[in-house]
């Protein structure tokens, strides 16, 4: 646990939350600034900053995602769910404790609109493929 971390304080019960599910490894609760009805956060109880810090022995909490997503879809009546997980400030991470945003989606809700796609760059692709396998 990290004494300065908002999510660690929630896990320790120092800050109230609206828990939907909890076990020894994970806490699932409603986001207090939702972008959609039923916007939920899934966090590990162990303090892990982001995916870069995540070790194989600490990944069991992620195996809960399918069960939680299915239940969230069922109870909200959503027709889809976005799962968003950000790593680092430039990716939009605000709380530096790994977490997954589970965002129920509904027909024509306009909640998340992806930007236009860019043109595929063959030279960049070749460079990335070469460097990725080094």
Protein backbone atom coordinates (compact mmCIF):
# COMPACT_ATOMS: atom_id res chain seq x y z
CA UNK A 1 0.00 0.00 0.00
CA UNK A 2 1.02 3.56 -0.66
CA UNK A 3 -0.08 6.08 1.99
CA UNK A 4 -0.37 8.88 -0.60
CA UNK A 5 -2.43 6.90 -3.11
CA UNK A 6 -6.16 7.67 -3.38
CA UNK A 7 -7.02 4.10 -4.41
CA UNK A 8 -4.93 2.60 -1.57
CA UNK A 9 -6.91 4.80 0.84
CA UNK A 10 -10.14 3.47 -0.69
CA UNK A 11 -8.89 -0.13 -0.32
CA UNK A 12 -8.01 0.54 3.35
CA UNK A 13 -11.50 1.96 3.96
CA UNK A 14 -10.25 5.47 4.68
CA UNK A 15 -12.32 6.92 1.83
CA UNK A 16 -15.88 5.70 1.21
CA UNK A 17 -16.86 4.19 -2.11
CA UNK A 18 -19.75 2.41 -3.78
CA UNK A 19 -18.42 -1.15 -3.92
CA UNK A 20 -19.95 -3.50 -6.46
CA UNK A 21 -17.56 -6.42 -5.84
CA UNK A 22 -14.64 -7.20 -3.56
CA UNK A 23 -12.42 -10.16 -2.79
CA UNK A 24 -8.85 -10.66 -1.52
CA UNK A 25 -7.26 -9.38 -4.74
CA UNK A 26 -9.59 -6.84 -6.29
CA UNK A 27 -11.97 -4.00 -5.52
CA UNK A 28 -14.64 -2.95 -8.01
CA UNK A 29 -16.52 0.29 -7.38
CA UNK A 30 -18.48 3.03 -9.15
CA UNK A 31 -16.50 5.98 -10.50
CA UNK A 32 -17.48 9.19 -8.69
CA UNK A 33 -17.05 11.16 -11.94
CA UNK A 34 -18.76 8.79 -14.39
CA UNK A 35 -18.89 9.38 -18.12
CA UNK A 36 -21.74 6.88 -18.50
CA UNK A 37 -24.39 5.24 -16.32
CA UNK A 38 -22.64 2.43 -14.44
CA UNK A 39 -19.05 3.64 -15.10
CA UNK A 40 -17.03 1.36 -12.84
CA UNK A 41 -13.39 1.01 -11.77
CA UNK A 42 -11.60 -2.28 -11.19
CA UNK A 43 -8.39 -2.03 -9.15
CA UNK A 44 -6.03 -4.50 -7.54
CA UNK A 45 -5.80 -4.18 -3.78
CA UNK A 46 -2.02 -4.30 -4.06
CA UNK A 47 -0.45 -0.98 -5.04
CA UNK A 48 0.92 -1.25 -8.57
CA UNK A 49 1.56 2.00 -10.42
CA UNK A 50 0.94 0.89 -14.02
CA UNK A 51 1.44 -1.89 -16.58
CA UNK A 52 5.16 -1.12 -16.74
CA UNK A 53 5.49 -2.08 -13.07
CA UNK A 54 3.15 -5.10 -13.25
CA UNK A 55 4.81 -8.47 -12.62
CA UNK A 56 3.40 -11.86 -13.65
CA UNK A 57 2.83 -12.87 -10.02
CA UNK A 58 0.53 -9.85 -9.55
CA UNK A 59 -1.74 -10.39 -12.58
CA UNK A 60 -4.41 -12.60 -10.96
CA UNK A 61 -6.67 -9.59 -10.41
CA UNK A 62 -6.96 -9.13 -14.19
CA UNK A 63 -8.50 -12.58 -14.53
CA UNK A 64 -11.57 -11.14 -12.77
CA UNK A 65 -12.25 -8.74 -15.66
CA UNK A 66 -14.45 -11.06 -17.79
CA UNK A 67 -16.68 -11.99 -14.83
CA UNK A 68 -17.06 -8.36 -13.75
CA UNK A 69 -17.70 -7.11 -17.29
CA UNK A 70 -20.40 -9.74 -17.88
CA UNK A 71 -22.12 -8.87 -14.60
CA UNK A 72 -21.88 -5.11 -15.26
CA UNK A 73 -23.41 -5.56 -18.72
CA UNK A 74 -26.22 -7.63 -17.20
CA UNK A 75 -27.11 -5.24 -14.37
CA UNK A 76 -26.85 -2.03 -16.44
CA UNK A 77 -28.56 -3.36 -19.54
CA UNK A 78 -25.65 -2.03 -21.60
CA UNK A 79 -25.25 -3.28 -25.15
CA UNK A 80 -21.45 -2.95 -24.97
CA UNK A 81 -18.65 -2.03 -22.57
CA UNK A 82 -15.40 -0.17 -23.18
CA UNK A 83 -12.46 -1.25 -21.06
CA UNK A 84 -9.92 1.55 -20.77
CA UNK A 85 -6.61 1.27 -18.99
CA UNK A 86 -4.09 4.13 -19.20
CA UNK A 87 -0.36 4.05 -18.41
CA UNK A 88 1.47 7.28 -17.71
CA UNK A 89 0.46 10.90 -17.63
CA UNK A 90 0.63 11.34 -21.41
CA UNK A 91 -1.85 8.47 -21.77
CA UNK A 92 -4.28 10.19 -19.41
CA UNK A 93 -3.43 8.32 -16.20
CA UNK A 94 -4.37 10.59 -13.30
CA UNK A 95 -4.23 8.21 -10.34
CA UNK A 96 -1.00 6.23 -10.34
CA UNK A 97 -2.44 2.93 -9.15
CA UNK A 98 -3.24 0.57 -12.01
CA UNK A 99 -6.95 0.50 -12.75
CA UNK A 100 -9.43 -0.36 -15.44
CA UNK A 101 -12.36 1.86 -16.40
CA UNK A 102 -15.36 -0.29 -17.30
CA UNK A 103 -17.69 1.98 -19.24
CA UNK A 104 -21.13 0.62 -20.13
CA UNK A 105 -22.29 1.67 -23.57
CA UNK A 106 -25.78 2.16 -24.92
CA UNK A 107 -27.12 2.72 -28.46
CA UNK A 108 -26.20 6.17 -29.80
CA UNK A 109 -24.86 7.33 -26.40
CA UNK A 110 -22.00 9.35 -27.95
CA UNK A 111 -19.89 8.71 -24.85
CA UNK A 112 -16.63 7.87 -26.60
CA UNK A 113 -15.98 9.01 -30.13
CA UNK A 114 -12.66 7.86 -31.51
CA UNK A 115 -10.71 10.32 -33.71
CA UNK A 116 -10.36 9.73 -37.45
CA UNK A 117 -7.83 7.07 -38.35
CA UNK A 118 -4.50 8.08 -39.84
CA UNK A 119 -2.92 6.68 -43.00
CA UNK A 120 -0.86 3.51 -42.58
CA UNK A 121 2.90 4.21 -42.83
CA UNK A 122 4.72 1.21 -44.35
CA UNK A 123 8.19 2.58 -43.51
CA UNK A 124 7.25 3.15 -39.88
CA UNK A 125 5.65 -0.30 -39.71
CA UNK A 126 8.83 -1.97 -40.99
CA UNK A 127 10.96 -0.01 -38.54
CA UNK A 128 8.73 -0.94 -35.60
CA UNK A 129 8.60 -4.61 -36.57
CA UNK A 130 12.39 -4.73 -36.81
CA UNK A 131 13.01 -2.93 -33.53
CA UNK A 132 10.29 -4.86 -31.67
CA UNK A 133 11.98 -8.20 -32.31
CA UNK A 134 15.47 -7.01 -31.27
